[in-house]
Amino acid sequence: MKPRISPGSLAELGPANWGFSRLASQVMRVDDVHLFSTLGQARGLFRAWLMFSARLMPFGSIPRYEVEMAILRIAYLRGCDYEYDHHERLGKRAGLSPAIIDRIERGPSAPGWSVRHAALLTAVDQVIQTKDIDDETWERLSRFYKTRELIEIVMLIGQYDALATTIRVLRIERDHKRGALAPK
């Protein structure tokens, strides 16, 4: 699908957002981080969103490995290839093996999960599917996570669900490796 809002240039993004977007493109080794060059056109809103988002990932209190598990599950459930692409790479850097990534797609009932990780993935599924977490799952989560972390889990799920919605509605195209042709 054609993007509803094309990625912006220096003029549309302003110097700060354009510079951040260009730097992110170099770090991620892509021609353009379309998410940033699109959302960056909202200027101050983009910077505020970046700060909020960064407080959840990578600077949150939940172990990065678990954050990436949750985000990959959200991206999978929402069918958000853009989000999935990025967090598959980040998840591998955080220690997720291809076998674990495959198990994330199969969900919390797949064999091999610890009680903690099954509870986390169950919470993700419930929030995405029902916009709530049932009492049994909440009680299981509460055995493993402190109050701050429980709040953070709910906000993390909500943030990446909202991001998947934004990506889908704006039709933000997937990023391309430097020099690669865009997928058809």
N, C-alpha and C. Protein backbone atom coordinates (compact mmCIF):
# COMPACT_ATOMS: atom_id res chain seq x y z
N MET A 1 0.83 -1.18 0.00
CA MET A 1 0.00 0.00 0.00
C MET A 1 0.88 1.25 0.00
N LYS A 2 0.38 2.25 -0.61
CA LYS A 2 1.09 3.52 -0.69
C LYS A 2 0.96 4.26 0.64
N PRO A 3 2.08 4.82 1.15
CA PRO A 3 2.00 5.59 2.40
C PRO A 3 1.01 6.74 2.28
N ARG A 4 0.23 6.95 3.33
CA ARG A 4 -0.70 8.08 3.34
C ARG A 4 0.03 9.40 3.56
N ILE A 5 1.14 9.33 4.27
CA ILE A 5 2.00 10.49 4.47
C ILE A 5 3.41 10.04 4.10
N SER A 6 3.96 10.66 3.09
CA SER A 6 5.31 10.27 2.66
C SER A 6 6.34 10.69 3.69
N PRO A 7 7.43 9.94 3.79
CA PRO A 7 8.51 10.35 4.68
C PRO A 7 8.95 11.77 4.34
N GLY A 8 9.26 12.54 5.37
CA GLY A 8 9.59 13.94 5.19
C GLY A 8 11.06 14.21 4.96
N SER A 9 11.31 15.39 4.43
CA SER A 9 12.67 15.88 4.19
C SER A 9 13.03 16.83 5.33
N LEU A 10 14.19 17.45 5.21
CA LEU A 10 14.63 18.44 6.19
C LEU A 10 13.56 19.52 6.39
N ALA A 11 12.98 19.98 5.31
CA ALA A 11 11.97 21.05 5.41
C ALA A 11 10.75 20.61 6.21
N GLU A 12 10.29 19.37 6.01
CA GLU A 12 9.10 18.90 6.72
C GLU A 12 9.40 18.50 8.17
N LEU A 13 10.60 17.99 8.41
CA LEU A 13 10.94 17.49 9.75
C LEU A 13 11.52 18.55 10.67
N GLY A 14 12.16 19.55 10.09
CA GLY A 14 12.91 20.50 10.90
C GLY A 14 14.28 19.92 11.20
N PRO A 15 15.24 20.76 11.54
CA PRO A 15 16.61 20.30 11.72
C PRO A 15 16.79 19.21 12.78
N ALA A 16 16.15 19.35 13.94
CA ALA A 16 16.35 18.38 15.03
C ALA A 16 15.80 17.01 14.64
N ASN A 17 14.58 16.95 14.16
CA ASN A 17 13.98 15.66 13.81
C ASN A 17 14.66 15.04 12.59
N TRP A 18 15.05 15.88 11.64
CA TRP A 18 15.75 15.37 10.46
C TRP A 18 17.09 14.78 10.87
N GLY A 19 17.83 15.50 11.71
CA GLY A 19 19.13 15.01 12.16
C GLY A 19 18.99 13.69 12.93
N PHE A 20 18.00 13.62 13.80
CA PHE A 20 17.76 12.39 14.55
C PHE A 20 17.42 11.24 13.60
N SER A 21 16.56 11.51 12.64
CA SER A 21 16.15 10.48 11.68
C SER A 21 17.33 9.99 10.85
N ARG A 22 18.20 10.92 10.42
CA ARG A 22 19.36 10.53 9.62
C ARG A 22 20.33 9.69 10.46
N LEU A 23 20.56 10.10 11.70
CA LEU A 23 21.44 9.35 12.59
C LEU A 23 20.88 7.95 12.84
N ALA A 24 19.59 7.86 13.10
CA ALA A 24 18.95 6.56 13.32
C ALA A 24 19.08 5.67 12.09
N SER A 25 18.97 6.26 10.91
CA SER A 25 19.12 5.48 9.67
C SER A 25 20.52 4.89 9.56
N GLN A 26 21.53 5.68 9.94
CA GLN A 26 22.90 5.17 9.90
C GLN A 26 23.10 4.05 10.91
N VAL A 27 22.61 4.24 12.13
CA VAL A 27 22.75 3.24 13.19
C VAL A 27 22.06 1.94 12.79
N MET A 28 20.87 2.06 12.19
CA MET A 28 20.09 0.88 11.81
C MET A 28 20.47 0.32 10.45
N ARG A 29 21.39 1.02 9.76
CA ARG A 29 21.87 0.59 8.44
C ARG A 29 20.74 0.41 7.43
N VAL A 30 19.87 1.42 7.42
CA VAL A 30 18.79 1.45 6.44
C VAL A 30 18.86 2.78 5.71
N ASP A 31 18.22 2.83 4.54
CA ASP A 31 18.22 4.08 3.78
C ASP A 31 17.48 5.19 4.52
N ASP A 32 16.38 4.82 5.18
CA ASP A 32 15.58 5.80 5.92
C ASP A 32 14.77 5.03 6.95
N VAL A 33 14.68 5.55 8.17
CA VAL A 33 13.78 4.99 9.17
C VAL A 33 12.44 5.67 8.91
N HIS A 34 11.62 5.02 8.11
CA HIS A 34 10.36 5.63 7.67
C HIS A 34 9.46 6.04 8.82
N LEU A 35 9.48 5.30 9.90
CA LEU A 35 8.67 5.67 11.06
C LEU A 35 9.07 7.06 11.55
N PHE A 36 10.36 7.29 11.68
CA PHE A 36 10.84 8.57 12.21
C PHE A 36 10.66 9.69 11.20
N SER A 37 10.93 9.42 9.93
CA SER A 37 10.80 10.49 8.93
C SER A 37 9.34 10.79 8.59
N THR A 38 8.45 9.92 9.02
CA THR A 38 7.02 10.21 8.88
C THR A 38 6.50 10.91 10.13
N LEU A 39 6.66 10.27 11.29
CA LEU A 39 6.15 10.86 12.53
C LEU A 39 6.88 12.15 12.89
N GLY A 40 8.12 12.28 12.45
CA GLY A 40 8.89 13.48 12.74
C GLY A 40 8.27 14.75 12.20
N GLN A 41 7.37 14.61 11.25
CA GLN A 41 6.68 15.78 10.70
C GLN A 41 5.73 16.41 11.71
N ALA A 42 5.44 15.70 12.80
CA ALA A 42 4.62 16.26 13.87
C ALA A 42 5.47 17.04 14.87
N ARG A 43 6.75 17.19 14.55
CA ARG A 43 7.72 18.01 15.28
C ARG A 43 7.76 17.73 16.79
N GLY A 44 7.20 18.62 17.61
CA GLY A 44 7.28 18.48 19.06
C GLY A 44 6.58 17.23 19.57
N LEU A 45 5.48 16.85 18.94
CA LEU A 45 4.78 15.61 19.33
C LEU A 45 5.70 14.41 19.13
N PHE A 46 6.45 14.40 18.05
CA PHE A 46 7.39 13.32 17.78
C PHE A 46 8.44 13.23 18.88
N ARG A 47 9.01 14.36 19.25
CA ARG A 47 10.05 14.36 20.29
C ARG A 47 9.48 13.91 21.63
N ALA A 48 8.27 14.34 21.96
CA ALA A 48 7.63 13.91 23.21
C ALA A 48 7.36 12.40 23.18
N TRP A 49 6.91 11.91 22.04
CA TRP A 49 6.66 10.47 21.90
C TRP A 49 7.96 9.69 22.04
N LEU A 50 9.04 10.18 21.46
CA LEU A 50 10.34 9.51 21.59
C LEU A 50 10.76 9.41 23.05
N MET A 51 10.57 10.48 23.80
CA MET A 51 10.95 10.47 25.21
C MET A 51 10.11 9.47 25.99
N PHE A 52 8.80 9.48 25.76
CA PHE A 52 7.91 8.52 26.43
C PHE A 52 8.29 7.09 26.05
N SER A 53 8.43 6.88 24.78
CA SER A 53 8.74 5.54 24.27
C SER A 53 10.07 5.03 24.83
N ALA A 54 11.06 5.89 24.90
CA ALA A 54 12.38 5.50 25.41
C ALA A 54 12.34 5.13 26.88
N ARG A 55 11.42 5.72 27.65
CA ARG A 55 11.28 5.36 29.06
C ARG A 55 10.75 3.94 29.22
N LEU A 56 10.10 3.42 28.20
CA LEU A 56 9.62 2.03 28.21
C LEU A 56 10.66 1.10 27.60
N MET A 57 11.30 1.56 26.53
CA MET A 57 12.30 0.76 25.82
C MET A 57 13.25 1.71 25.10
N PRO A 58 14.49 1.77 25.43
CA PRO A 58 15.29 0.78 26.16
C PRO A 58 15.54 1.10 27.63
N PHE A 59 14.98 2.18 28.16
CA PHE A 59 15.33 2.63 29.51
C PHE A 59 14.31 2.25 30.57
N GLY A 60 13.52 1.23 30.34
CA GLY A 60 12.54 0.79 31.32
C GLY A 60 13.14 -0.09 32.39
N SER A 61 12.31 -0.53 33.31
CA SER A 61 12.79 -1.35 34.43
C SER A 61 12.62 -2.85 34.18
N ILE A 62 11.92 -3.21 33.14
CA ILE A 62 11.72 -4.62 32.80
C ILE A 62 12.93 -5.10 31.99
N PRO A 63 13.41 -6.32 32.24
CA PRO A 63 14.56 -6.81 31.46
C PRO A 63 14.31 -6.71 29.96
N ARG A 64 15.32 -6.24 29.25
CA ARG A 64 15.20 -5.98 27.81
C ARG A 64 14.74 -7.22 27.04
N TYR A 65 15.22 -8.36 27.43
CA TYR A 65 14.83 -9.63 26.82
C TYR A 65 13.31 -9.79 26.86
N GLU A 66 12.71 -9.49 28.01
CA GLU A 66 11.26 -9.63 28.17
C GLU A 66 10.49 -8.54 27.43
N VAL A 67 11.05 -7.34 27.41
CA VAL A 67 10.43 -6.25 26.65
C VAL A 67 10.34 -6.63 25.18
N GLU A 68 11.42 -7.17 24.64
CA GLU A 68 11.42 -7.57 23.23
C GLU A 68 10.47 -8.73 22.97
N MET A 69 10.34 -9.64 23.94
CA MET A 69 9.35 -10.72 23.80
C MET A 69 7.95 -10.13 23.66
N ALA A 70 7.63 -9.20 24.55
CA ALA A 70 6.30 -8.58 24.53
C ALA A 70 6.05 -7.82 23.23
N ILE A 71 7.02 -7.03 22.80
CA ILE A 71 6.84 -6.23 21.58
C ILE A 71 6.69 -7.13 20.36
N LEU A 72 7.48 -8.18 20.28
CA LEU A 72 7.35 -9.11 19.14
C LEU A 72 5.97 -9.77 19.14
N ARG A 73 5.47 -10.12 20.32
CA ARG A 73 4.13 -10.74 20.38
C ARG A 73 3.07 -9.73 19.92
N ILE A 74 3.19 -8.49 20.36
CA ILE A 74 2.25 -7.45 19.93
C ILE A 74 2.31 -7.28 18.41
N ALA A 75 3.51 -7.15 17.88
CA ALA A 75 3.67 -6.96 16.43
C ALA A 75 3.09 -8.15 15.67
N TYR A 76 3.31 -9.35 16.17
CA TYR A 76 2.78 -10.55 15.52
C TYR A 76 1.25 -10.54 15.56
N LEU A 77 0.68 -10.30 16.73
CA LEU A 77 -0.78 -10.30 16.86
C LEU A 77 -1.43 -9.21 16.01
N ARG A 78 -0.79 -8.07 15.90
CA ARG A 78 -1.34 -6.95 15.14
C ARG A 78 -1.00 -7.03 13.66
N GLY A 79 -0.17 -8.00 13.26
CA GLY A 79 0.21 -8.11 11.86
C GLY A 79 1.01 -6.90 11.40
N CYS A 80 1.82 -6.34 12.29
CA CYS A 80 2.58 -5.14 11.98
C CYS A 80 4.00 -5.53 11.60
N ASP A 81 4.22 -5.74 10.31
CA ASP A 81 5.53 -6.18 9.83
C ASP A 81 6.63 -5.17 10.13
N TYR A 82 6.30 -3.89 10.06
CA TYR A 82 7.30 -2.86 10.34
C TYR A 82 7.84 -3.03 11.76
N GLU A 83 6.93 -3.09 12.72
CA GLU A 83 7.32 -3.24 14.13
C GLU A 83 8.05 -4.58 14.33
N TYR A 84 7.56 -5.62 13.69
CA TYR A 84 8.16 -6.94 13.83
C TYR A 84 9.61 -6.94 13.30
N ASP A 85 9.82 -6.36 12.13
CA ASP A 85 11.16 -6.30 11.54
C ASP A 85 12.17 -5.70 12.51
N HIS A 86 11.82 -4.55 13.06
CA HIS A 86 12.75 -3.86 13.95
C HIS A 86 13.00 -4.65 15.23
N HIS A 87 11.94 -5.17 15.80
CA HIS A 87 12.10 -5.83 17.10
C HIS A 87 12.58 -7.26 16.99
N GLU A 88 12.51 -7.84 15.83
CA GLU A 88 13.18 -9.13 15.64
C GLU A 88 14.70 -8.92 15.73
N ARG A 89 15.18 -7.87 15.06
CA ARG A 89 16.61 -7.55 15.12
C ARG A 89 17.02 -7.18 16.55
N LEU A 90 16.23 -6.31 17.18
CA LEU A 90 16.56 -5.89 18.55
C LEU A 90 16.44 -7.05 19.53
N GLY A 91 15.46 -7.91 19.30
CA GLY A 91 15.29 -9.09 20.17
C GLY A 91 16.48 -10.02 20.09
N LYS A 92 16.99 -10.22 18.89
CA LYS A 92 18.19 -11.07 18.75
C LYS A 92 19.36 -10.47 19.49
N ARG A 93 19.51 -9.15 19.42
CA ARG A 93 20.58 -8.49 20.16
C ARG A 93 20.40 -8.63 21.67
N ALA A 94 19.14 -8.73 22.10
CA ALA A 94 18.83 -8.87 23.53
C ALA A 94 18.91 -10.32 24.00
N GLY A 95 19.18 -11.24 23.06
CA GLY A 95 19.35 -12.64 23.45
C GLY A 95 18.25 -13.59 23.03
N LEU A 96 17.28 -13.12 22.26
CA LEU A 96 16.22 -14.02 21.78
C LEU A 96 16.75 -14.85 20.62
N SER A 97 16.67 -16.15 20.75
CA SER A 97 17.12 -17.05 19.68
C SER A 97 16.01 -17.19 18.64
N PRO A 98 16.33 -17.67 17.44
CA PRO A 98 15.28 -17.93 16.44
C PRO A 98 14.19 -18.88 16.98
N ALA A 99 14.58 -19.86 17.79
CA ALA A 99 13.60 -20.79 18.37
C ALA A 99 12.64 -20.08 19.32
N ILE A 100 13.16 -19.16 20.11
CA ILE A 100 12.29 -18.40 21.02
C ILE A 100 11.39 -17.46 20.24
N ILE A 101 11.93 -16.83 19.20
CA ILE A 101 11.11 -15.95 18.37
C ILE A 101 9.97 -16.74 17.73
N ASP A 102 10.26 -17.94 17.26
CA ASP A 102 9.22 -18.80 16.71
C ASP A 102 8.18 -19.14 17.77
N ARG A 103 8.64 -19.42 18.99
CA ARG A 103 7.72 -19.76 20.08
C ARG A 103 6.86 -18.56 20.46
N ILE A 104 7.43 -17.35 20.38
CA ILE A 104 6.64 -16.14 20.64
C ILE A 104 5.46 -16.07 19.68
N GLU A 105 5.69 -16.40 18.43
CA GLU A 105 4.60 -16.40 17.45
C GLU A 105 3.53 -17.43 17.81
N ARG A 106 3.94 -18.57 18.35
CA ARG A 106 2.97 -19.61 18.73
C ARG A 106 2.21 -19.24 19.99
N GLY A 107 2.75 -18.34 20.78
CA GLY A 107 2.01 -17.78 21.90
C GLY A 107 2.31 -18.37 23.26
N PRO A 108 1.59 -17.88 24.27
CA PRO A 108 1.88 -18.26 25.65
C PRO A 108 1.58 -19.71 25.98
N SER A 109 0.78 -20.38 25.17
CA SER A 109 0.47 -21.79 25.45
C SER A 109 1.47 -22.75 24.80
N ALA A 110 2.42 -22.22 24.03
CA ALA A 110 3.44 -23.07 23.41
C ALA A 110 4.29 -23.70 24.52
N PRO A 111 4.68 -24.95 24.36
CA PRO A 111 5.50 -25.59 25.39
C PRO A 111 6.86 -24.92 25.53
N GLY A 112 7.38 -24.92 26.76
CA GLY A 112 8.73 -24.44 27.01
C GLY A 112 8.83 -23.12 27.74
N TRP A 113 7.73 -22.40 27.91
CA TRP A 113 7.79 -21.11 28.61
C TRP A 113 7.90 -21.33 30.12
N SER A 114 8.65 -20.46 30.77
CA SER A 114 8.62 -20.39 32.23
C SER A 114 7.25 -19.83 32.62
N VAL A 115 6.88 -19.98 33.88
CA VAL A 115 5.60 -19.43 34.36
C VAL A 115 5.61 -17.91 34.17
N ARG A 116 6.74 -17.29 34.45
CA ARG A 116 6.86 -15.84 34.32
C ARG A 116 6.63 -15.39 32.88
N HIS A 117 7.31 -16.01 31.93
CA HIS A 117 7.19 -15.60 30.53
C HIS A 117 5.82 -15.95 29.95
N ALA A 118 5.25 -17.07 30.37
CA ALA A 118 3.88 -17.41 29.92
C ALA A 118 2.89 -16.37 30.44
N ALA A 119 3.08 -15.90 31.67
CA ALA A 119 2.19 -14.88 32.23
C ALA A 119 2.33 -13.57 31.46
N LEU A 120 3.57 -13.19 31.14
CA LEU A 120 3.80 -11.95 30.39
C LEU A 120 3.13 -12.03 29.01
N LEU A 121 3.34 -13.11 28.30
CA LEU A 121 2.75 -13.25 26.96
C LEU A 121 1.24 -13.38 27.02
N THR A 122 0.73 -14.02 28.06
CA THR A 122 -0.73 -14.09 28.24
C THR A 122 -1.30 -12.70 28.45
N ALA A 123 -0.60 -11.88 29.25
CA ALA A 123 -1.05 -10.50 29.48
C ALA A 123 -1.08 -9.73 28.16
N VAL A 124 -0.04 -9.90 27.35
CA VAL A 124 -0.02 -9.24 26.03
C VAL A 124 -1.23 -9.66 25.22
N ASP A 125 -1.46 -10.96 25.11
CA ASP A 125 -2.59 -11.45 24.33
C ASP A 125 -3.91 -10.88 24.84
N GLN A 126 -4.08 -10.87 26.15
CA GLN A 126 -5.35 -10.39 26.70
C GLN A 126 -5.56 -8.91 26.45
N VAL A 127 -4.52 -8.10 26.64
CA VAL A 127 -4.68 -6.66 26.40
C VAL A 127 -4.98 -6.40 24.93
N ILE A 128 -4.28 -7.07 24.04
CA ILE A 128 -4.51 -6.84 22.61
C ILE A 128 -5.91 -7.32 22.21
N GLN A 129 -6.32 -8.45 22.73
CA GLN A 129 -7.60 -9.03 22.31
C GLN A 129 -8.81 -8.49 23.06
N THR A 130 -8.64 -8.15 24.35
CA THR A 130 -9.82 -7.74 25.15
C THR A 130 -9.67 -6.37 25.80
N LYS A 131 -8.48 -5.77 25.69
CA LYS A 131 -8.17 -4.49 26.34
C LYS A 131 -8.26 -4.60 27.86
N ASP A 132 -7.96 -5.79 28.40
CA ASP A 132 -7.96 -6.02 29.85
C ASP A 132 -7.05 -7.21 30.15
N ILE A 133 -6.74 -7.40 31.43
CA ILE A 133 -6.01 -8.57 31.90
C ILE A 133 -6.88 -9.21 32.97
N ASP A 134 -7.17 -10.49 32.83
CA ASP A 134 -8.04 -11.13 33.83
C ASP A 134 -7.32 -11.27 35.17
N ASP A 135 -8.09 -11.51 36.22
CA ASP A 135 -7.53 -11.56 37.58
C ASP A 135 -6.50 -12.66 37.76
N GLU A 136 -6.72 -13.80 37.15
CA GLU A 136 -5.78 -14.92 37.28
C GLU A 136 -4.42 -14.55 36.68
N THR A 137 -4.42 -13.98 35.50
CA THR A 137 -3.16 -13.58 34.86
C THR A 137 -2.49 -12.46 35.64
N TRP A 138 -3.29 -11.51 36.13
CA TRP A 138 -2.73 -10.42 36.93
C TRP A 138 -2.05 -10.96 38.19
N GLU A 139 -2.66 -11.93 38.82
CA GLU A 139 -2.09 -12.53 40.04
C GLU A 139 -0.77 -13.23 39.71
N ARG A 140 -0.72 -13.93 38.57
CA ARG A 140 0.53 -14.59 38.17
C ARG A 140 1.61 -13.56 37.88
N LEU A 141 1.26 -12.50 37.16
CA LEU A 141 2.24 -11.43 36.88
C LEU A 141 2.76 -10.82 38.18
N SER A 142 1.86 -10.62 39.14
CA SER A 142 2.20 -9.99 40.41
C SER A 142 3.20 -10.80 41.23
N ARG A 143 3.32 -12.07 40.95
CA ARG A 143 4.31 -12.90 41.64
C ARG A 143 5.73 -12.58 41.17
N PHE A 144 5.85 -12.06 39.97
CA PHE A 144 7.16 -11.87 39.36
C PHE A 144 7.57 -10.41 39.19
N TYR A 145 6.61 -9.51 39.16
CA TYR A 145 6.90 -8.11 38.87
C TYR A 145 6.45 -7.20 40.01
N LYS A 146 7.25 -6.16 40.26
CA LYS A 146 6.92 -5.15 41.26
C LYS A 146 5.84 -4.23 40.70
N THR A 147 5.26 -3.41 41.58
CA THR A 147 4.19 -2.50 41.18
C THR A 147 4.59 -1.64 39.99
N ARG A 148 5.77 -1.02 40.05
CA ARG A 148 6.23 -0.17 38.94
C ARG A 148 6.29 -0.97 37.64
N GLU A 149 6.77 -2.19 37.71
CA GLU A 149 6.90 -3.03 36.52
C GLU A 149 5.54 -3.45 35.97
N LEU A 150 4.59 -3.69 36.85
CA LEU A 150 3.23 -4.04 36.39
C LEU A 150 2.62 -2.87 35.61
N ILE A 151 2.80 -1.67 36.13
CA ILE A 151 2.31 -0.48 35.42
C ILE A 151 3.03 -0.36 34.08
N GLU A 152 4.32 -0.57 34.11
CA GLU A 152 5.13 -0.46 32.89
C GLU A 152 4.71 -1.49 31.84
N ILE A 153 4.40 -2.69 32.27
CA ILE A 153 3.95 -3.73 31.33
C ILE A 153 2.70 -3.27 30.61
N VAL A 154 1.73 -2.77 31.36
CA VAL A 154 0.47 -2.32 30.75
C VAL A 154 0.73 -1.16 29.79
N MET A 155 1.57 -0.22 30.21
CA MET A 155 1.87 0.92 29.34
C MET A 155 2.68 0.51 28.11
N LEU A 156 3.60 -0.45 28.27
CA LEU A 156 4.38 -0.97 27.14
C LEU A 156 3.46 -1.59 26.10
N ILE A 157 2.55 -2.43 26.57
CA ILE A 157 1.61 -3.08 25.64
C ILE A 157 0.76 -2.03 24.94
N GLY A 158 0.24 -1.08 25.70
CA GLY A 158 -0.58 -0.02 25.10
C GLY A 158 0.19 0.82 24.10
N GLN A 159 1.44 1.15 24.43
CA GLN A 159 2.28 1.97 23.54
C GLN A 159 2.53 1.25 22.22
N TYR A 160 2.90 -0.02 22.27
CA TYR A 160 3.23 -0.72 21.02
C TYR A 160 1.97 -1.13 20.25
N ASP A 161 0.85 -1.29 20.93
CA ASP A 161 -0.42 -1.49 20.24
C ASP A 161 -0.79 -0.20 19.49
N ALA A 162 -0.64 0.94 20.17
CA ALA A 162 -0.93 2.23 19.53
C ALA A 162 0.03 2.49 18.36
N LEU A 163 1.28 2.12 18.54
CA LEU A 163 2.25 2.32 17.46
C LEU A 163 1.90 1.45 16.25
N ALA A 164 1.50 0.20 16.49
CA ALA A 164 1.07 -0.66 15.39
C ALA A 164 -0.13 -0.05 14.66
N THR A 165 -1.04 0.54 15.41
CA THR A 165 -2.20 1.20 14.81
C THR A 165 -1.75 2.38 13.96
N THR A 166 -0.86 3.19 14.48
CA THR A 166 -0.35 4.36 13.76
C THR A 166 0.34 3.93 12.47
N ILE A 167 1.19 2.92 12.56
CA ILE A 167 1.91 2.43 11.38
C ILE A 167 0.92 1.94 10.32
N ARG A 168 -0.09 1.21 10.76
CA ARG A 168 -1.07 0.66 9.82
C ARG A 168 -1.92 1.77 9.18
N VAL A 169 -2.44 2.68 9.98
CA VAL A 169 -3.31 3.74 9.45
C VAL A 169 -2.55 4.66 8.50
N LEU A 170 -1.31 4.99 8.86
CA LEU A 170 -0.52 5.88 7.99
C LEU A 170 0.13 5.13 6.83
N ARG A 171 0.03 3.78 6.87
CA ARG A 171 0.61 2.93 5.81
C ARG A 171 2.12 3.16 5.68
N ILE A 172 2.80 3.26 6.82
CA ILE A 172 4.24 3.49 6.80
C ILE A 172 4.91 2.25 6.22
N GLU A 173 5.71 2.49 5.17
CA GLU A 173 6.36 1.36 4.50
C GLU A 173 7.54 0.85 5.30
N ARG A 174 7.83 -0.43 5.14
CA ARG A 174 8.96 -1.06 5.81
C ARG A 174 10.26 -0.40 5.37
N ASP A 175 11.23 -0.42 6.26
CA ASP A 175 12.54 0.14 5.94
C ASP A 175 13.31 -0.82 5.06
N HIS A 176 14.21 -0.28 4.27
CA HIS A 176 15.01 -1.08 3.34
C HIS A 176 16.47 -0.96 3.73
N LYS A 177 17.17 -2.06 3.70
CA LYS A 177 18.61 -2.04 3.94
C LYS A 177 19.25 -1.10 2.93
N ARG A 178 20.31 -0.45 3.33
CA ARG A 178 21.00 0.47 2.44
C ARG A 178 21.29 -0.17 1.10
N GLY A 179 20.87 0.51 0.04
CA GLY A 179 21.16 0.05 -1.30
C GLY A 179 20.25 -1.04 -1.82
N ALA A 180 19.34 -1.56 -0.99
CA ALA A 180 18.43 -2.61 -1.42
C ALA A 180 17.23 -2.00 -2.14
N LEU A 181 16.66 -2.76 -3.02
CA LEU A 181 15.45 -2.32 -3.71
C LEU A 181 14.27 -2.47 -2.77
N ALA A 182 13.31 -1.58 -2.90
CA ALA A 182 12.09 -1.66 -2.07
C ALA A 182 11.30 -2.91 -2.45
N PRO A 183 10.69 -3.59 -1.44
CA PRO A 183 9.87 -4.76 -1.77
C PRO A 183 8.65 -4.34 -2.59
N LYS A 184 8.21 -5.24 -3.45
CA LYS A 184 7.07 -4.93 -4.32
C LYS A 184 5.77 -5.24 -3.63
